[in-house]
Amino acid sequence: MTIEREVLQTAKDRDGDITALCRSGQTWSPRRKADAIRDIETGSYRYHVPMKDGSKTPIHVVNGPKGKYLRTNWDKTDRNNLDDLPDCTC
């Protein structure tokens, strides 16, 4: 069984690239990008951003020109875009 992890914040580098996923108060947080990518690819954990309507926007791994990165699917709202989430506080 794959465990779900809810993401409410992200850590970003000076270029705005996601470096970690976060949820204050959780023992797994912050989860470094490389570890979250491995979690998703191995099926150990799934990460998502909760929406106000109760739905969950999955976070997935993308193979880009500079390597793998994390993102949500574009859906005409910025409430679940990883770049737009508040900075990690943990």
PDB file of N, CA and C in Angstrom:
ATOM      1  N   MET A   1       0.844  -1.182   0.000  1.00  0.00           N
ATOM      2  CA  MET A   1       0.000   0.000   0.000  1.00  0.00           C
ATOM      3  C   MET A   1       0.890   1.247   0.000  1.00  0.00           C
ATOM      4  N   THR A   2       0.615   2.150  -0.895  1.00  0.00           N
ATOM      5  CA  THR A   2       1.366   3.394  -1.003  1.00  0.00           C
ATOM      6  C   THR A   2       0.786   4.432  -0.045  1.00  0.00           C
ATOM      7  N   ILE A   3       1.655   5.095   0.670  1.00  0.00           N
ATOM      8  CA  ILE A   3       1.247   6.105   1.639  1.00  0.00           C
ATOM      9  C   ILE A   3       1.179   7.470   0.957  1.00  0.00           C
ATOM     10  N   GLU A   4       0.126   8.219   1.255  1.00  0.00           N
ATOM     11  CA  GLU A   4      -0.066   9.565   0.707  1.00  0.00           C
ATOM     12  C   GLU A   4       0.558  10.598   1.647  1.00  0.00           C
ATOM     13  N   ARG A   5       1.210  11.572   1.072  1.00  0.00           N
ATOM     14  CA  ARG A   5       1.754  12.687   1.831  1.00  0.00           C
ATOM     15  C   ARG A   5       1.225  13.995   1.243  1.00  0.00           C
ATOM     16  N   GLU A   6       0.640  14.803   2.103  1.00  0.00           N
ATOM     17  CA  GLU A   6       0.069  16.075   1.691  1.00  0.00           C
ATOM     18  C   GLU A   6       1.137  17.166   1.768  1.00  0.00           C
ATOM     19  N   VAL A   7       1.281  17.940   0.712  1.00  0.00           N
ATOM     20  CA  VAL A   7       2.291  18.984   0.620  1.00  0.00           C
ATOM     21  C   VAL A   7       1.610  20.356   0.659  1.00  0.00           C
ATOM     22  N   LEU A   8       2.055  21.200   1.599  1.00  0.00           N
ATOM     23  CA  LEU A   8       1.486  22.537   1.729  1.00  0.00           C
ATOM     24  C   LEU A   8       2.492  23.644   1.452  1.00  0.00           C
ATOM     25  N   GLN A   9       3.782  23.305   1.470  1.00  0.00           N
ATOM     26  CA  GLN A   9       4.830  24.281   1.214  1.00  0.00           C
ATOM     27  C   GLN A   9       5.942  23.626   0.396  1.00  0.00           C
ATOM     28  N   THR A  10       6.790  24.463  -0.185  1.00  0.00           N
ATOM     29  CA  THR A  10       7.963  23.962  -0.898  1.00  0.00           C
ATOM     30  C   THR A  10       9.167  24.837  -0.579  1.00  0.00           C
ATOM     31  N   ALA A  11      10.340  24.232  -0.658  1.00  0.00           N
ATOM     32  CA  ALA A  11      11.589  24.986  -0.578  1.00  0.00           C
ATOM     33  C   ALA A  11      12.055  25.196  -2.009  1.00  0.00           C
ATOM     34  N   LYS A  12      12.623  26.386  -2.259  1.00  0.00           N
ATOM     35  CA  LYS A  12      13.057  26.724  -3.607  1.00  0.00           C
ATOM     36  C   LYS A  12      14.471  27.290  -3.545  1.00  0.00           C
ATOM     37  N   ASP A  13      15.240  27.078  -4.612  1.00  0.00           N
ATOM     38  CA  ASP A  13      16.561  27.701  -4.678  1.00  0.00           C
ATOM     39  C   ASP A  13      16.409  29.117  -5.239  1.00  0.00           C
ATOM     40  N   ARG A  14      17.509  29.813  -5.406  1.00  0.00           N
ATOM     41  CA  ARG A  14      17.438  31.215  -5.854  1.00  0.00           C
ATOM     42  C   ARG A  14      16.888  31.370  -7.262  1.00  0.00           C
ATOM     43  N   ASP A  15      16.902  30.277  -8.048  1.00  0.00           N
ATOM     44  CA  ASP A  15      16.314  30.315  -9.391  1.00  0.00           C
ATOM     45  C   ASP A  15      14.830  29.970  -9.381  1.00  0.00           C
ATOM     46  N   GLY A  16      14.299  29.612  -8.189  1.00  0.00           N
ATOM     47  CA  GLY A  16      12.894  29.240  -8.075  1.00  0.00           C
ATOM     48  C   GLY A  16      12.626  27.769  -8.289  1.00  0.00           C
ATOM     49  N   ASP A  17      13.681  26.964  -8.467  1.00  0.00           N
ATOM     50  CA  ASP A  17      13.502  25.516  -8.649  1.00  0.00           C
ATOM     51  C   ASP A  17      13.162  24.866  -7.311  1.00  0.00           C
ATOM     52  N   ILE A  18      12.271  23.911  -7.332  1.00  0.00           N
ATOM     53  CA  ILE A  18      11.854  23.204  -6.120  1.00  0.00           C
ATOM     54  C   ILE A  18      13.003  22.342  -5.613  1.00  0.00           C
ATOM     55  N   THR A  19      13.340  22.504  -4.324  1.00  0.00           N
ATOM     56  CA  THR A  19      14.415  21.718  -3.718  1.00  0.00           C
ATOM     57  C   THR A  19      13.902  20.774  -2.635  1.00  0.00           C
ATOM     58  N   ALA A  20      12.672  21.013  -2.153  1.00  0.00           N
ATOM     59  CA  ALA A  20      12.097  20.142  -1.126  1.00  0.00           C
ATOM     60  C   ALA A  20      10.586  20.330  -1.068  1.00  0.00           C
ATOM     61  N   LEU A  21       9.907  19.291  -0.591  1.00  0.00           N
ATOM     62  CA  LEU A  21       8.476  19.333  -0.335  1.00  0.00           C
ATOM     63  C   LEU A  21       8.289  19.371   1.175  1.00  0.00           C
ATOM     64  N   CYS A  22       7.285  20.115   1.645  1.00  0.00           N
ATOM     65  CA  CYS A  22       7.132  20.293   3.088  1.00  0.00           C
ATOM     66  C   CYS A  22       5.679  20.241   3.538  1.00  0.00           C
ATOM     67  N   ARG A  23       5.534  19.860   4.793  1.00  0.00           N
ATOM     68  CA  ARG A  23       4.265  19.931   5.530  1.00  0.00           C
ATOM     69  C   ARG A  23       4.649  20.071   6.994  1.00  0.00           C
ATOM     70  N   SER A  24       4.513  21.252   7.537  1.00  0.00           N
ATOM     71  CA  SER A  24       4.896  21.510   8.924  1.00  0.00           C
ATOM     72  C   SER A  24       4.258  20.498   9.866  1.00  0.00           C
ATOM     73  N   GLY A  25       5.056  20.055  10.839  1.00  0.00           N
ATOM     74  CA  GLY A  25       4.555  19.122  11.842  1.00  0.00           C
ATOM     75  C   GLY A  25       4.672  17.655  11.468  1.00  0.00           C
ATOM     76  N   GLN A  26       5.091  17.346  10.251  1.00  0.00           N
ATOM     77  CA  GLN A  26       5.224  15.956   9.821  1.00  0.00           C
ATOM     78  C   GLN A  26       6.677  15.505   9.955  1.00  0.00           C
ATOM     79  N   THR A  27       6.885  14.289  10.403  1.00  0.00           N
ATOM     80  CA  THR A  27       8.244  13.789  10.610  1.00  0.00           C
ATOM     81  C   THR A  27       9.020  13.675   9.306  1.00  0.00           C
ATOM     82  N   TRP A  28       8.357  13.523   8.191  1.00  0.00           N
ATOM     83  CA  TRP A  28       9.051  13.377   6.901  1.00  0.00           C
ATOM     84  C   TRP A  28       9.476  14.721   6.306  1.00  0.00           C
ATOM     85  N   SER A  29       8.959  15.801   6.854  1.00  0.00           N
ATOM     86  CA  SER A  29       9.164  17.121   6.271  1.00  0.00           C
ATOM     87  C   SER A  29      10.319  17.863   6.929  1.00  0.00           C
ATOM     88  N   PRO A  30      11.136  18.537   6.119  1.00  0.00           N
ATOM     89  CA  PRO A  30      11.106  18.653   4.660  1.00  0.00           C
ATOM     90  C   PRO A  30      11.679  17.405   3.989  1.00  0.00           C
ATOM     91  N   ARG A  31      11.176  17.100   2.821  1.00  0.00           N
ATOM     92  CA  ARG A  31      11.649  15.955   2.026  1.00  0.00           C
ATOM     93  C   ARG A  31      12.383  16.508   0.818  1.00  0.00           C
ATOM     94  N   ARG A  32      13.680  16.245   0.769  1.00  0.00           N
ATOM     95  CA  ARG A  32      14.499  16.752  -0.337  1.00  0.00           C
ATOM     96  C   ARG A  32      13.973  16.250  -1.679  1.00  0.00           C
ATOM     97  N   LYS A  33      14.177  17.048  -2.703  1.00  0.00           N
ATOM     98  CA  LYS A  33      13.689  16.731  -4.051  1.00  0.00           C
ATOM     99  C   LYS A  33      14.124  15.340  -4.504  1.00  0.00           C
ATOM    100  N   ALA A  34      15.401  15.010  -4.371  1.00  0.00           N
ATOM    101  CA  ALA A  34      15.901  13.704  -4.828  1.00  0.00           C
ATOM    102  C   ALA A  34      15.203  12.560  -4.099  1.00  0.00           C
ATOM    103  N   ASP A  35      14.952  12.734  -2.797  1.00  0.00           N
ATOM    104  CA  ASP A  35      14.271  11.696  -2.024  1.00  0.00           C
ATOM    105  C   ASP A  35      12.812  11.571  -2.433  1.00  0.00           C
ATOM    106  N   ALA A  36      12.144  12.711  -2.663  1.00  0.00           N
ATOM    107  CA  ALA A  36      10.746  12.678  -3.104  1.00  0.00           C
ATOM    108  C   ALA A  36      10.625  12.031  -4.482  1.00  0.00           C
ATOM    109  N   ILE A  37      11.563  12.327  -5.372  1.00  0.00           N
ATOM    110  CA  ILE A  37      11.558  11.693  -6.699  1.00  0.00           C
ATOM    111  C   ILE A  37      11.700  10.183  -6.557  1.00  0.00           C
ATOM    112  N   ARG A  38      12.631   9.748  -5.726  1.00  0.00           N
ATOM    113  CA  ARG A  38      12.808   8.308  -5.511  1.00  0.00           C
ATOM    114  C   ARG A  38      11.545   7.695  -4.905  1.00  0.00           C
ATOM    115  N   ASP A  39      10.936   8.371  -3.921  1.00  0.00           N
ATOM    116  CA  ASP A  39       9.693   7.879  -3.310  1.00  0.00           C
ATOM    117  C   ASP A  39       8.612   7.653  -4.357  1.00  0.00           C
ATOM    118  N   ILE A  40       8.443   8.629  -5.246  1.00  0.00           N
ATOM    119  CA  ILE A  40       7.402   8.552  -6.269  1.00  0.00           C
ATOM    120  C   ILE A  40       7.722   7.461  -7.287  1.00  0.00           C
ATOM    121  N   GLU A  41       8.953   7.418  -7.751  1.00  0.00           N
ATOM    122  CA  GLU A  41       9.324   6.441  -8.781  1.00  0.00           C
ATOM    123  C   GLU A  41       9.269   5.000  -8.273  1.00  0.00           C
ATOM    124  N   THR A  42       9.578   4.785  -7.009  1.00  0.00           N
ATOM    125  CA  THR A  42       9.525   3.424  -6.464  1.00  0.00           C
ATOM    126  C   THR A  42       8.131   3.053  -5.969  1.00  0.00           C
ATOM    127  N   GLY A  43       7.244   4.041  -5.889  1.00  0.00           N
ATOM    128  CA  GLY A  43       5.894   3.781  -5.405  1.00  0.00           C
ATOM    129  C   GLY A  43       5.806   3.707  -3.891  1.00  0.00           C
ATOM    130  N   SER A  44       6.858   4.110  -3.190  1.00  0.00           N
ATOM    131  CA  SER A  44       6.852   4.072  -1.723  1.00  0.00           C
ATOM    132  C   SER A  44       5.864   5.080  -1.144  1.00  0.00           C
ATOM    133  N   TYR A  45       5.830   6.259  -1.740  1.00  0.00           N
ATOM    134  CA  TYR A  45       4.949   7.331  -1.287  1.00  0.00           C
ATOM    135  C   TYR A  45       4.399   8.064  -2.490  1.00  0.00           C
ATOM    136  N   ARG A  46       3.200   8.630  -2.301  1.00  0.00           N
ATOM    137  CA  ARG A  46       2.623   9.551  -3.267  1.00  0.00           C
ATOM    138  C   ARG A  46       2.488  10.892  -2.577  1.00  0.00           C
ATOM    139  N   TYR A  47       2.734  11.952  -3.304  1.00  0.00           N
ATOM    140  CA  TYR A  47       2.625  13.300  -2.775  1.00  0.00           C
ATOM    141  C   TYR A  47       1.529  14.027  -3.538  1.00  0.00           C
ATOM    142  N   HIS A  48       0.801  14.883  -2.827  1.00  0.00           N
ATOM    143  CA  HIS A  48      -0.249  15.659  -3.480  1.00  0.00           C
ATOM    144  C   HIS A  48      -0.419  17.009  -2.793  1.00  0.00           C
ATOM    145  N   VAL A  49      -1.037  17.926  -3.522  1.00  0.00           N
ATOM    146  CA  VAL A  49      -1.412  19.234  -2.999  1.00  0.00           C
ATOM    147  C   VAL A  49      -2.930  19.209  -2.835  1.00  0.00           C
ATOM    148  N   PRO A  50      -3.436  19.496  -1.614  1.00  0.00           N
ATOM    149  CA  PRO A  50      -4.892  19.493  -1.424  1.00  0.00           C
ATOM    150  C   PRO A  50      -5.531  20.745  -2.020  1.00  0.00           C
ATOM    151  N   MET A  51      -6.717  20.574  -2.543  1.00  0.00           N
ATOM    152  CA  MET A  51      -7.467  21.696  -3.096  1.00  0.00           C
ATOM    153  C   MET A  51      -8.623  22.032  -2.148  1.00  0.00           C
ATOM    154  N   LYS A  52      -9.151  23.234  -2.241  1.00  0.00           N
ATOM    155  CA  LYS A  52     -10.230  23.675  -1.361  1.00  0.00           C
ATOM    156  C   LYS A  52     -11.483  22.828  -1.505  1.00  0.00           C
ATOM    157  N   ASP A  53     -11.701  22.260  -2.690  1.00  0.00           N
ATOM    158  CA  ASP A  53     -12.906  21.459  -2.917  1.00  0.00           C
ATOM    159  C   ASP A  53     -12.761  20.017  -2.422  1.00  0.00           C
ATOM    160  N   GLY A  54     -11.612  19.708  -1.777  1.00  0.00           N
ATOM    161  CA  GLY A  54     -11.390  18.366  -1.243  1.00  0.00           C
ATOM    162  C   GLY A  54     -10.637  17.448  -2.190  1.00  0.00           C
ATOM    163  N   SER A  55     -10.450  17.858  -3.428  1.00  0.00           N
ATOM    164  CA  SER A  55      -9.704  17.021  -4.370  1.00  0.00           C
ATOM    165  C   SER A  55      -8.203  17.117  -4.078  1.00  0.00           C
ATOM    166  N   LYS A  56      -7.460  16.227  -4.668  1.00  0.00           N
ATOM    167  CA  LYS A  56      -6.012  16.177  -4.485  1.00  0.00           C
ATOM    168  C   LYS A  56      -5.338  16.277  -5.844  1.00  0.00           C
ATOM    169  N   THR A  57      -4.347  17.165  -5.952  1.00  0.00           N
ATOM    170  CA  THR A  57      -3.585  17.296  -7.181  1.00  0.00           C
ATOM    171  C   THR A  57      -2.279  16.536  -7.008  1.00  0.00           C
ATOM    172  N   PRO A  58      -2.077  15.447  -7.751  1.00  0.00           N
ATOM    173  CA  PRO A  58      -0.860  14.657  -7.577  1.00  0.00           C
ATOM    174  C   PRO A  58       0.400  15.400  -8.022  1.00  0.00           C
ATOM    175  N   ILE A  59       1.475  15.113  -7.316  1.00  0.00           N
ATOM    176  CA  ILE A  59       2.800  15.603  -7.695  1.00  0.00           C
ATOM    177  C   ILE A  59       3.485  14.459  -8.407  1.00  0.00           C
ATOM    178  N   HIS A  60       4.059  14.727  -9.570  1.00  0.00           N
ATOM    179  CA  HIS A  60       4.712  13.674 -10.315  1.00  0.00           C
ATOM    180  C   HIS A  60       6.101  14.102 -10.781  1.00  0.00           C
ATOM    181  N   VAL A  61       6.841  13.132 -11.285  1.00  0.00           N
ATOM    182  CA  VAL A  61       8.218  13.343 -11.733  1.00  0.00           C
ATOM    183  C   VAL A  61       8.217  13.577 -13.234  1.00  0.00           C
ATOM    184  N   VAL A  62       8.975  14.572 -13.660  1.00  0.00           N
ATOM    185  CA  VAL A  62       9.115  14.900 -15.072  1.00  0.00           C
ATOM    186  C   VAL A  62      10.594  14.822 -15.433  1.00  0.00           C
ATOM    187  N   ASN A  63      10.888  14.248 -16.596  1.00  0.00           N
ATOM    188  CA  ASN A  63      12.259  14.229 -17.106  1.00  0.00           C
ATOM    189  C   ASN A  63      12.449  15.433 -18.014  1.00  0.00           C
ATOM    190  N   GLY A  64      13.179  16.414 -17.511  1.00  0.00           N
ATOM    191  CA  GLY A  64      13.412  17.637 -18.264  1.00  0.00           C
ATOM    192  C   GLY A  64      14.805  17.675 -18.867  1.00  0.00           C
ATOM    193  N   PRO A  65      15.117  18.721 -19.593  1.00  0.00           N
ATOM    194  CA  PRO A  65      16.431  18.840 -20.230  1.00  0.00           C
ATOM    195  C   PRO A  65      17.585  18.918 -19.230  1.00  0.00           C
ATOM    196  N   LYS A  66      17.296  19.374 -18.006  1.00  0.00           N
ATOM    197  CA  LYS A  66      18.333  19.468 -16.970  1.00  0.00           C
ATOM    198  C   LYS A  66      18.237  18.342 -15.947  1.00  0.00           C
ATOM    199  N   GLY A  67      17.423  17.340 -16.219  1.00  0.00           N
ATOM    200  CA  GLY A  67      17.238  16.230 -15.284  1.00  0.00           C
ATOM    201  C   GLY A  67      15.816  16.161 -14.764  1.00  0.00           C
ATOM    202  N   LYS A  68      15.624  15.338 -13.773  1.00  0.00           N
ATOM    203  CA  LYS A  68      14.288  15.108 -13.222  1.00  0.00           C
ATOM    204  C   LYS A  68      13.894  16.248 -12.294  1.00  0.00           C
ATOM    205  N   TYR A  69      12.575  16.540 -12.313  1.00  0.00           N
ATOM    206  CA  TYR A  69      12.045  17.531 -11.386  1.00  0.00           C
ATOM    207  C   TYR A  69      10.611  17.168 -11.022  1.00  0.00           C
ATOM    208  N   LEU A  70      10.078  17.872 -10.017  1.00  0.00           N
ATOM    209  CA  LEU A  70       8.734  17.616  -9.505  1.00  0.00           C
ATOM    210  C   LEU A  70       7.781  18.681 -10.000  1.00  0.00           C
ATOM    211  N   ARG A  71       6.541  18.268 -10.293  1.00  0.00           N
ATOM    212  CA  ARG A  71       5.533  19.251 -10.681  1.00  0.00           C
ATOM    213  C   ARG A  71       4.136  18.671 -10.564  1.00  0.00           C
ATOM    214  N   THR A  72       3.158  19.564 -10.627  1.00  0.00           N
ATOM    215  CA  THR A  72       1.756  19.178 -10.745  1.00  0.00           C
ATOM    216  C   THR A  72       1.334  19.514 -12.171  1.00  0.00           C
ATOM    217  N   ASN A  73       0.221  18.976 -12.604  1.00  0.00           N
ATOM    218  CA  ASN A  73      -0.281  19.307 -13.935  1.00  0.00           C
ATOM    219  C   ASN A  73      -0.912  20.689 -13.925  1.00  0.00           C
ATOM    220  N   TRP A  74      -0.697  21.439 -14.991  1.00  0.00           N
ATOM    221  CA  TRP A  74      -1.287  22.756 -15.123  1.00  0.00           C
ATOM    222  C   TRP A  74      -2.789  22.616 -15.290  1.00  0.00           C
ATOM    223  N   ASP A  75      -3.534  23.392 -14.507  1.00  0.00           N
ATOM    224  CA  ASP A  75      -4.989  23.281 -14.576  1.00  0.00           C
ATOM    225  C   ASP A  75      -5.701  24.619 -14.406  1.00  0.00           C
ATOM    226  N   LYS A  76      -5.094  25.678 -14.875  1.00  0.00           N
ATOM    227  CA  LYS A  76      -5.692  27.015 -14.878  1.00  0.00           C
ATOM    228  C   LYS A  76      -5.837  27.625 -13.481  1.00  0.00           C
ATOM    229  N   THR A  77      -5.176  27.071 -12.483  1.00  0.00           N
ATOM    230  CA  THR A  77      -5.174  27.659 -11.148  1.00  0.00           C
ATOM    231  C   THR A  77      -3.762  27.626 -10.601  1.00  0.00           C
ATOM    232  N   ASP A  78      -3.411  28.602  -9.800  1.00  0.00           N
ATOM    233  CA  ASP A  78      -2.072  28.587  -9.213  1.00  0.00           C
ATOM    234  C   ASP A  78      -2.079  28.081  -7.777  1.00  0.00           C
ATOM    235  N   ARG A  79      -3.219  27.635  -7.279  1.00  0.00           N
ATOM    236  CA  ARG A  79      -3.303  27.154  -5.895  1.00  0.00           C
ATOM    237  C   ARG A  79      -2.578  25.841  -5.673  1.00  0.00           C
ATOM    238  N   ASN A  80      -2.304  25.092  -6.729  1.00  0.00           N
ATOM    239  CA  ASN A  80      -1.641  23.801  -6.556  1.00  0.00           C
ATOM    240  C   ASN A  80      -0.297  23.737  -7.275  1.00  0.00           C
ATOM    241  N   ASN A  81       0.134  24.822  -7.885  1.00  0.00           N
ATOM    242  CA  ASN A  81       1.428  24.828  -8.548  1.00  0.00           C
ATOM    243  C   ASN A  81       2.525  24.867  -7.493  1.00  0.00           C
ATOM    244  N   LEU A  82       3.478  23.977  -7.585  1.00  0.00           N
ATOM    245  CA  LEU A  82       4.521  23.892  -6.567  1.00  0.00           C
ATOM    246  C   LEU A  82       5.271  25.206  -6.418  1.00  0.00           C
ATOM    247  N   ASP A  83       5.513  25.894  -7.516  1.00  0.00           N
ATOM    248  CA  ASP A  83       6.226  27.174  -7.466  1.00  0.00           C
ATOM    249  C   ASP A  83       5.453  28.227  -6.655  1.00  0.00           C
ATOM    250  N   ASP A  84       4.147  28.127  -6.631  1.00  0.00           N
ATOM    251  CA  ASP A  84       3.316  29.138  -5.986  1.00  0.00           C
ATOM    252  C   ASP A  84       2.983  28.813  -4.536  1.00  0.00           C
ATOM    253  N   LEU A  85       3.350  27.629  -4.056  1.00  0.00           N
ATOM    254  CA  LEU A  85       3.088  27.289  -2.656  1.00  0.00           C
ATOM    255  C   LEU A  85       4.010  28.124  -1.760  1.00  0.00           C
ATOM    256  N   PRO A  86       3.580  28.390  -0.529  1.00  0.00           N
ATOM    257  CA  PRO A  86       4.431  29.149   0.389  1.00  0.00           C
ATOM    258  C   PRO A  86       5.754  28.419   0.656  1.00  0.00           C
ATOM    259  N   ASP A  87       6.745  29.169   1.099  1.00  0.00           N
ATOM    260  CA  ASP A  87       8.028  28.582   1.451  1.00  0.00           C
ATOM    261  C   ASP A  87       7.913  27.713   2.699  1.00  0.00           C
ATOM    262  N   CYS A  88       8.744  26.687   2.759  1.00  0.00           N
ATOM    263  CA  CYS A  88       8.768  25.794   3.921  1.00  0.00           C
ATOM    264  C   CYS A  88       9.076  26.585   5.185  1.00  0.00           C
ATOM    265  N   THR A  89       8.417  26.212   6.258  1.00  0.00           N
ATOM    266  CA  THR A  89       8.652  26.850   7.543  1.00  0.00           C
ATOM    267  C   THR A  89       9.248  25.876   8.555  1.00  0.00           C
ATOM    268  N   CYS A  90       9.573  24.689   8.104  1.00  0.00           N
ATOM    269  CA  CYS A  90      10.102  23.697   9.048  1.00  0.00           C
ATOM    270  C   CYS A  90      11.587  23.513   8.881  1.00  0.00           C
TER     271      CYS A  90
END
